[in-house]
Amino acid sequence: MAEKSAEQTIQEVLQVLKKRDPDQPEFFQAATEVLDSLKPVLEKEKKYAKQKLLERLIEPERIITFRVPWTDDKGEVQVNRGFRVEFNSAIGPYKGGTDTAYPSTSVNLSILKFLGFEQVSYTLSANSRAMRCMVLK
């Protein structure tokens, strides 16, 4: 059986991601850009595709949703939703951990996953050891 090209592997991973999380365009955009940038590495190191590194890279280890009750200036109790997204503990304390409890509706899970994933991708690009840790874990 012929091995898949890096492009085929990336497209398959992105199709699964888009199907699973269709309401997260910001995260999908970040994943697309990072995975495309990894194409030369995947062509050279076929073991990364076999070990499902891309699938592990784009899926947070955990997402915590919590409530934050608070009292506004008028004395009214407000309740906001908070998130903590943690991507990767293979290279030490969680990389890509982001959280929020902002009362703004413009911050959502997709944006927080985007921000956390961006932190992981910077770590990986700055540190080849991080990639090796992902493979070993």
N, C-alpha and C. Protein backbone atom coordinates (compact mmCIF):
# COMPACT_ATOMS: atom_id res chain seq x y z
N MET A 1 0.84 -1.18 0.00
CA MET A 1 0.00 0.00 0.00
C MET A 1 0.89 1.24 0.00
N ALA A 2 0.63 2.15 -0.90
CA ALA A 2 1.43 3.37 -1.04
C ALA A 2 1.17 4.33 0.11
N GLU A 3 2.23 4.98 0.55
CA GLU A 3 2.09 5.96 1.62
C GLU A 3 1.42 7.22 1.08
N LYS A 4 0.66 7.87 1.93
CA LYS A 4 0.01 9.12 1.54
C LYS A 4 1.06 10.22 1.50
N SER A 5 0.81 11.18 0.64
CA SER A 5 1.68 12.36 0.61
C SER A 5 1.35 13.23 1.82
N ALA A 6 2.23 14.15 2.12
CA ALA A 6 1.99 15.08 3.23
C ALA A 6 0.73 15.89 2.96
N GLU A 7 0.55 16.29 1.71
CA GLU A 7 -0.65 17.07 1.34
C GLU A 7 -1.93 16.28 1.60
N GLN A 8 -1.93 15.01 1.22
CA GLN A 8 -3.11 14.16 1.45
C GLN A 8 -3.39 14.01 2.95
N THR A 9 -2.35 13.79 3.71
CA THR A 9 -2.50 13.64 5.16
C THR A 9 -3.09 14.91 5.77
N ILE A 10 -2.54 16.05 5.39
CA ILE A 10 -3.01 17.33 5.92
C ILE A 10 -4.47 17.55 5.55
N GLN A 11 -4.82 17.32 4.31
CA GLN A 11 -6.21 17.53 3.87
C GLN A 11 -7.19 16.61 4.60
N GLU A 12 -6.79 15.37 4.84
CA GLU A 12 -7.66 14.46 5.58
C GLU A 12 -7.87 14.94 7.01
N VAL A 13 -6.80 15.39 7.66
CA VAL A 13 -6.91 15.89 9.03
C VAL A 13 -7.81 17.12 9.07
N LEU A 14 -7.64 18.02 8.09
CA LEU A 14 -8.46 19.23 8.06
C LEU A 14 -9.92 18.92 7.77
N GLN A 15 -10.19 17.92 6.94
CA GLN A 15 -11.58 17.54 6.67
C GLN A 15 -12.26 17.05 7.94
N VAL A 16 -11.57 16.22 8.70
CA VAL A 16 -12.12 15.72 9.97
C VAL A 16 -12.36 16.88 10.93
N LEU A 17 -11.41 17.79 11.01
CA LEU A 17 -11.53 18.95 11.90
C LEU A 17 -12.74 19.80 11.52
N LYS A 18 -12.88 20.09 10.24
CA LYS A 18 -13.99 20.94 9.79
C LYS A 18 -15.34 20.26 10.03
N LYS A 19 -15.39 18.96 9.85
CA LYS A 19 -16.63 18.22 10.08
C LYS A 19 -16.98 18.19 11.56
N ARG A 20 -15.97 18.00 12.40
CA ARG A 20 -16.17 17.89 13.84
C ARG A 20 -16.51 19.24 14.48
N ASP A 21 -15.86 20.31 14.01
CA ASP A 21 -16.04 21.64 14.61
C ASP A 21 -16.40 22.68 13.54
N PRO A 22 -17.56 22.53 12.88
CA PRO A 22 -17.90 23.44 11.79
C PRO A 22 -18.15 24.89 12.24
N ASP A 23 -18.40 25.07 13.53
CA ASP A 23 -18.70 26.40 14.05
C ASP A 23 -17.47 27.11 14.62
N GLN A 24 -16.28 26.67 14.23
CA GLN A 24 -15.05 27.26 14.77
C GLN A 24 -14.12 27.71 13.64
N PRO A 25 -14.52 28.72 12.87
CA PRO A 25 -13.71 29.15 11.71
C PRO A 25 -12.34 29.71 12.07
N GLU A 26 -12.24 30.38 13.21
CA GLU A 26 -10.94 30.94 13.60
C GLU A 26 -9.94 29.84 13.88
N PHE A 27 -10.40 28.81 14.58
CA PHE A 27 -9.52 27.69 14.89
C PHE A 27 -9.15 26.92 13.62
N PHE A 28 -10.11 26.72 12.74
CA PHE A 28 -9.84 26.02 11.48
C PHE A 28 -8.80 26.77 10.65
N GLN A 29 -8.90 28.09 10.62
CA GLN A 29 -7.92 28.90 9.88
C GLN A 29 -6.52 28.72 10.45
N ALA A 30 -6.40 28.77 11.77
CA ALA A 30 -5.09 28.60 12.41
C ALA A 30 -4.53 27.21 12.13
N ALA A 31 -5.38 26.19 12.25
CA ALA A 31 -4.93 24.82 12.01
C ALA A 31 -4.47 24.65 10.57
N THR A 32 -5.20 25.22 9.63
CA THR A 32 -4.84 25.12 8.22
C THR A 32 -3.46 25.74 7.97
N GLU A 33 -3.24 26.92 8.51
CA GLU A 33 -1.96 27.61 8.29
C GLU A 33 -0.79 26.84 8.91
N VAL A 34 -0.98 26.36 10.12
CA VAL A 34 0.11 25.64 10.80
C VAL A 34 0.39 24.32 10.11
N LEU A 35 -0.66 23.55 9.80
CA LEU A 35 -0.44 22.25 9.16
C LEU A 35 0.19 22.42 7.79
N ASP A 36 -0.22 23.43 7.04
CA ASP A 36 0.42 23.68 5.74
C ASP A 36 1.90 24.01 5.90
N SER A 37 2.23 24.72 6.96
CA SER A 37 3.64 25.07 7.18
C SER A 37 4.48 23.85 7.56
N LEU A 38 3.82 22.79 8.04
CA LEU A 38 4.53 21.56 8.44
C LEU A 38 4.72 20.59 7.28
N LYS A 39 4.21 20.92 6.11
CA LYS A 39 4.28 20.01 4.96
C LYS A 39 5.70 19.53 4.67
N PRO A 40 6.72 20.41 4.63
CA PRO A 40 8.08 19.93 4.36
C PRO A 40 8.59 18.94 5.42
N VAL A 41 8.21 19.18 6.66
CA VAL A 41 8.63 18.27 7.73
C VAL A 41 7.96 16.91 7.55
N LEU A 42 6.68 16.91 7.20
CA LEU A 42 5.95 15.65 7.02
C LEU A 42 6.45 14.87 5.82
N GLU A 43 6.88 15.57 4.79
CA GLU A 43 7.44 14.89 3.62
C GLU A 43 8.75 14.19 3.99
N LYS A 44 9.53 14.86 4.82
CA LYS A 44 10.83 14.31 5.21
C LYS A 44 10.70 13.21 6.27
N GLU A 45 9.81 13.41 7.22
CA GLU A 45 9.66 12.50 8.36
C GLU A 45 8.29 11.81 8.29
N LYS A 46 8.20 10.72 7.58
CA LYS A 46 6.93 9.99 7.39
C LYS A 46 6.39 9.44 8.72
N LYS A 47 7.26 9.24 9.69
CA LYS A 47 6.82 8.67 10.97
C LYS A 47 5.83 9.59 11.68
N TYR A 48 5.88 10.89 11.45
CA TYR A 48 4.96 11.81 12.11
C TYR A 48 3.52 11.53 11.71
N ALA A 49 3.30 11.26 10.43
CA ALA A 49 1.93 10.95 9.98
C ALA A 49 1.48 9.61 10.56
N LYS A 50 2.37 8.63 10.58
CA LYS A 50 2.02 7.31 11.11
C LYS A 50 1.67 7.37 12.60
N GLN A 51 2.32 8.27 13.32
CA GLN A 51 2.07 8.40 14.75
C GLN A 51 0.94 9.37 15.07
N LYS A 52 0.23 9.81 14.02
CA LYS A 52 -0.93 10.70 14.18
C LYS A 52 -0.56 12.00 14.91
N LEU A 53 0.61 12.52 14.62
CA LEU A 53 1.07 13.73 15.28
C LEU A 53 0.16 14.91 14.99
N LEU A 54 -0.30 15.05 13.75
CA LEU A 54 -1.15 16.18 13.41
C LEU A 54 -2.47 16.12 14.17
N GLU A 55 -3.04 14.94 14.26
CA GLU A 55 -4.29 14.78 14.99
C GLU A 55 -4.12 15.14 16.46
N ARG A 56 -2.99 14.75 17.03
CA ARG A 56 -2.72 15.08 18.44
C ARG A 56 -2.42 16.55 18.61
N LEU A 57 -1.81 17.14 17.61
CA LEU A 57 -1.43 18.55 17.69
C LEU A 57 -2.64 19.47 17.68
N ILE A 58 -3.65 19.16 16.88
CA ILE A 58 -4.78 20.07 16.74
C ILE A 58 -5.90 19.83 17.75
N GLU A 59 -5.83 18.73 18.49
CA GLU A 59 -6.88 18.44 19.48
C GLU A 59 -6.38 18.83 20.86
N PRO A 60 -7.07 19.77 21.53
CA PRO A 60 -6.64 20.12 22.89
C PRO A 60 -6.71 18.90 23.81
N GLU A 61 -5.78 18.85 24.77
CA GLU A 61 -5.83 17.76 25.76
C GLU A 61 -7.08 17.91 26.61
N ARG A 62 -7.42 19.14 26.93
CA ARG A 62 -8.66 19.35 27.66
C ARG A 62 -9.17 20.78 27.47
N ILE A 63 -10.48 20.88 27.60
CA ILE A 63 -11.16 22.17 27.57
C ILE A 63 -12.06 22.20 28.80
N ILE A 64 -11.88 23.22 29.60
CA ILE A 64 -12.68 23.36 30.81
C ILE A 64 -13.61 24.55 30.60
N THR A 65 -14.89 24.32 30.84
CA THR A 65 -15.88 25.39 30.77
C THR A 65 -16.36 25.65 32.20
N PHE A 66 -16.44 26.93 32.56
CA PHE A 66 -16.84 27.25 33.93
C PHE A 66 -17.68 28.53 33.93
N ARG A 67 -18.36 28.78 35.03
CA ARG A 67 -19.16 30.00 35.16
C ARG A 67 -18.46 30.96 36.11
N VAL A 68 -18.67 32.24 35.85
CA VAL A 68 -18.08 33.28 36.68
C VAL A 68 -19.20 34.26 37.06
N PRO A 69 -19.74 34.11 38.27
CA PRO A 69 -20.74 35.08 38.71
C PRO A 69 -20.03 36.34 39.24
N TRP A 70 -20.63 37.51 38.98
CA TRP A 70 -20.05 38.76 39.45
C TRP A 70 -21.16 39.80 39.57
N THR A 71 -20.89 40.85 40.29
CA THR A 71 -21.87 41.91 40.49
C THR A 71 -21.41 43.15 39.74
N ASP A 72 -22.30 43.69 38.90
CA ASP A 72 -21.93 44.87 38.11
C ASP A 72 -22.10 46.15 38.95
N ASP A 73 -21.83 47.30 38.35
CA ASP A 73 -21.87 48.59 39.06
C ASP A 73 -23.27 48.95 39.55
N LYS A 74 -24.29 48.35 38.97
CA LYS A 74 -25.67 48.63 39.37
C LYS A 74 -26.15 47.67 40.45
N GLY A 75 -25.27 46.78 40.90
CA GLY A 75 -25.63 45.82 41.92
C GLY A 75 -26.32 44.57 41.38
N GLU A 76 -26.39 44.43 40.07
CA GLU A 76 -27.00 43.27 39.43
C GLU A 76 -25.99 42.13 39.31
N VAL A 77 -26.44 40.94 39.62
CA VAL A 77 -25.57 39.78 39.48
C VAL A 77 -25.55 39.35 38.02
N GLN A 78 -24.37 39.16 37.50
CA GLN A 78 -24.17 38.71 36.13
C GLN A 78 -23.49 37.34 36.19
N VAL A 79 -23.71 36.54 35.17
CA VAL A 79 -23.03 35.25 35.09
C VAL A 79 -22.44 35.13 33.69
N ASN A 80 -21.14 34.94 33.65
CA ASN A 80 -20.44 34.77 32.38
C ASN A 80 -19.88 33.36 32.28
N ARG A 81 -19.64 32.96 31.06
CA ARG A 81 -19.03 31.65 30.80
C ARG A 81 -17.54 31.87 30.59
N GLY A 82 -16.76 31.01 31.18
CA GLY A 82 -15.31 31.05 30.98
C GLY A 82 -14.84 29.75 30.38
N PHE A 83 -13.69 29.81 29.72
CA PHE A 83 -13.09 28.62 29.12
C PHE A 83 -11.62 28.59 29.49
N ARG A 84 -11.10 27.40 29.60
CA ARG A 84 -9.65 27.19 29.68
C ARG A 84 -9.35 26.09 28.68
N VAL A 85 -8.49 26.41 27.73
CA VAL A 85 -8.11 25.47 26.69
C VAL A 85 -6.65 25.13 26.89
N GLU A 86 -6.36 23.83 27.06
CA GLU A 86 -4.98 23.38 27.30
C GLU A 86 -4.61 22.40 26.21
N PHE A 87 -3.58 22.74 25.44
CA PHE A 87 -3.24 21.96 24.27
C PHE A 87 -2.22 20.86 24.51
N ASN A 88 -1.11 21.16 25.16
CA ASN A 88 -0.04 20.17 25.14
C ASN A 88 0.81 20.23 26.39
N SER A 89 0.84 19.11 27.11
CA SER A 89 1.68 19.03 28.31
C SER A 89 2.94 18.19 28.06
N ALA A 90 3.15 17.77 26.82
CA ALA A 90 4.30 16.90 26.51
C ALA A 90 5.63 17.63 26.69
N ILE A 91 5.61 18.93 26.60
CA ILE A 91 6.86 19.69 26.67
C ILE A 91 6.94 20.51 27.96
N GLY A 92 6.32 20.01 29.02
CA GLY A 92 6.34 20.69 30.30
C GLY A 92 4.95 21.16 30.65
N PRO A 93 4.87 22.18 31.52
CA PRO A 93 3.55 22.71 31.87
C PRO A 93 2.80 23.09 30.59
N TYR A 94 1.50 23.01 30.66
CA TYR A 94 0.69 23.19 29.45
C TYR A 94 1.14 24.36 28.59
N LYS A 95 1.34 24.04 27.32
CA LYS A 95 1.58 25.06 26.31
C LYS A 95 0.26 25.25 25.60
N GLY A 96 -0.06 26.47 25.29
CA GLY A 96 -1.32 26.73 24.61
C GLY A 96 -2.48 26.78 25.58
N GLY A 97 -2.21 27.14 26.82
CA GLY A 97 -3.29 27.30 27.78
C GLY A 97 -3.82 28.72 27.70
N THR A 98 -5.09 28.86 27.40
CA THR A 98 -5.71 30.18 27.37
C THR A 98 -7.01 30.09 28.12
N ASP A 99 -7.38 31.19 28.76
CA ASP A 99 -8.67 31.17 29.43
C ASP A 99 -9.28 32.56 29.40
N THR A 100 -10.57 32.61 29.66
CA THR A 100 -11.28 33.87 29.64
C THR A 100 -12.55 33.76 30.45
N ALA A 101 -13.00 34.86 30.94
CA ALA A 101 -14.31 34.98 31.56
C ALA A 101 -14.85 36.36 31.23
N TYR A 102 -14.45 36.89 30.10
CA TYR A 102 -14.87 38.22 29.69
C TYR A 102 -16.37 38.27 29.46
N PRO A 103 -16.99 39.39 29.81
CA PRO A 103 -18.43 39.51 29.57
C PRO A 103 -18.75 39.82 28.10
N SER A 104 -17.80 39.71 27.25
CA SER A 104 -17.99 40.01 25.83
C SER A 104 -18.44 38.78 25.07
N THR A 105 -19.37 38.95 24.15
CA THR A 105 -19.80 37.83 23.33
C THR A 105 -18.86 37.59 22.16
N SER A 106 -17.88 38.47 21.98
CA SER A 106 -16.95 38.30 20.86
C SER A 106 -15.86 37.27 21.15
N VAL A 107 -15.70 36.87 22.41
CA VAL A 107 -14.72 35.84 22.76
C VAL A 107 -15.48 34.52 22.89
N ASN A 108 -15.05 33.54 22.09
CA ASN A 108 -15.73 32.25 22.12
C ASN A 108 -14.69 31.13 22.10
N LEU A 109 -15.17 29.90 22.15
CA LEU A 109 -14.28 28.76 22.21
C LEU A 109 -13.38 28.68 20.99
N SER A 110 -13.90 29.00 19.82
CA SER A 110 -13.09 28.95 18.61
C SER A 110 -11.90 29.90 18.69
N ILE A 111 -12.14 31.10 19.18
CA ILE A 111 -11.05 32.09 19.30
C ILE A 111 -10.04 31.63 20.34
N LEU A 112 -10.50 31.08 21.46
CA LEU A 112 -9.56 30.62 22.48
C LEU A 112 -8.76 29.41 22.00
N LYS A 113 -9.38 28.51 21.25
CA LYS A 113 -8.62 27.39 20.69
C LYS A 113 -7.60 27.91 19.68
N PHE A 114 -7.99 28.91 18.90
CA PHE A 114 -7.07 29.54 17.96
C PHE A 114 -5.86 30.11 18.70
N LEU A 115 -6.10 30.86 19.77
CA LEU A 115 -5.00 31.48 20.52
C LEU A 115 -4.10 30.44 21.18
N GLY A 116 -4.69 29.41 21.76
CA GLY A 116 -3.89 28.36 22.39
C GLY A 116 -3.08 27.58 21.38
N PHE A 117 -3.70 27.27 20.25
CA PHE A 117 -3.01 26.53 19.20
C PHE A 117 -1.86 27.36 18.63
N GLU A 118 -2.07 28.65 18.53
CA GLU A 118 -1.02 29.55 18.04
C GLU A 118 0.19 29.50 18.98
N GLN A 119 -0.05 29.46 20.28
CA GLN A 119 1.06 29.37 21.24
C GLN A 119 1.83 28.08 21.05
N VAL A 120 1.12 26.98 20.84
CA VAL A 120 1.78 25.69 20.63
C VAL A 120 2.61 25.73 19.36
N SER A 121 2.06 26.29 18.30
CA SER A 121 2.79 26.32 17.02
C SER A 121 4.05 27.17 17.14
N TYR A 122 4.00 28.26 17.90
CA TYR A 122 5.21 29.06 18.10
C TYR A 122 6.25 28.27 18.88
N THR A 123 5.79 27.53 19.89
CA THR A 123 6.71 26.71 20.67
C THR A 123 7.38 25.66 19.80
N LEU A 124 6.57 25.00 18.96
CA LEU A 124 7.12 23.97 18.09
C LEU A 124 8.10 24.54 17.08
N SER A 125 7.78 25.69 16.52
CA SER A 125 8.67 26.26 15.51
C SER A 125 9.97 26.76 16.14
N ALA A 126 9.91 27.16 17.41
CA ALA A 126 11.10 27.66 18.07
C ALA A 126 11.94 26.56 18.71
N ASN A 127 11.36 25.36 18.81
CA ASN A 127 12.03 24.33 19.58
C ASN A 127 11.78 22.96 18.96
N SER A 128 12.75 22.44 18.27
CA SER A 128 12.57 21.14 17.64
C SER A 128 12.41 20.04 18.68
N ARG A 129 12.90 20.25 19.89
CA ARG A 129 12.73 19.29 20.97
C ARG A 129 11.25 19.07 21.26
N ALA A 130 10.47 20.10 21.12
CA ALA A 130 9.02 20.01 21.37
C ALA A 130 8.38 19.00 20.43
N MET A 131 8.80 18.99 19.17
CA MET A 131 8.26 18.05 18.20
C MET A 131 8.65 16.62 18.58
N ARG A 132 9.88 16.44 19.02
CA ARG A 132 10.31 15.10 19.43
C ARG A 132 9.52 14.61 20.63
N CYS A 133 9.22 15.51 21.59
CA CYS A 133 8.43 15.15 22.77
C CYS A 133 7.04 14.72 22.36
N MET A 134 6.44 15.40 21.38
CA MET A 134 5.11 15.03 20.92
C MET A 134 5.12 13.62 20.34
N VAL A 135 6.18 13.28 19.63
CA VAL A 135 6.27 11.96 19.01
C VAL A 135 6.43 10.88 20.08
N LEU A 136 7.21 11.16 21.09
CA LEU A 136 7.47 10.16 22.13
C LEU A 136 6.29 9.94 23.04
N LYS A 137 5.43 10.95 23.20
CA LYS A 137 4.32 10.84 24.15
C LYS A 137 3.20 9.98 23.63
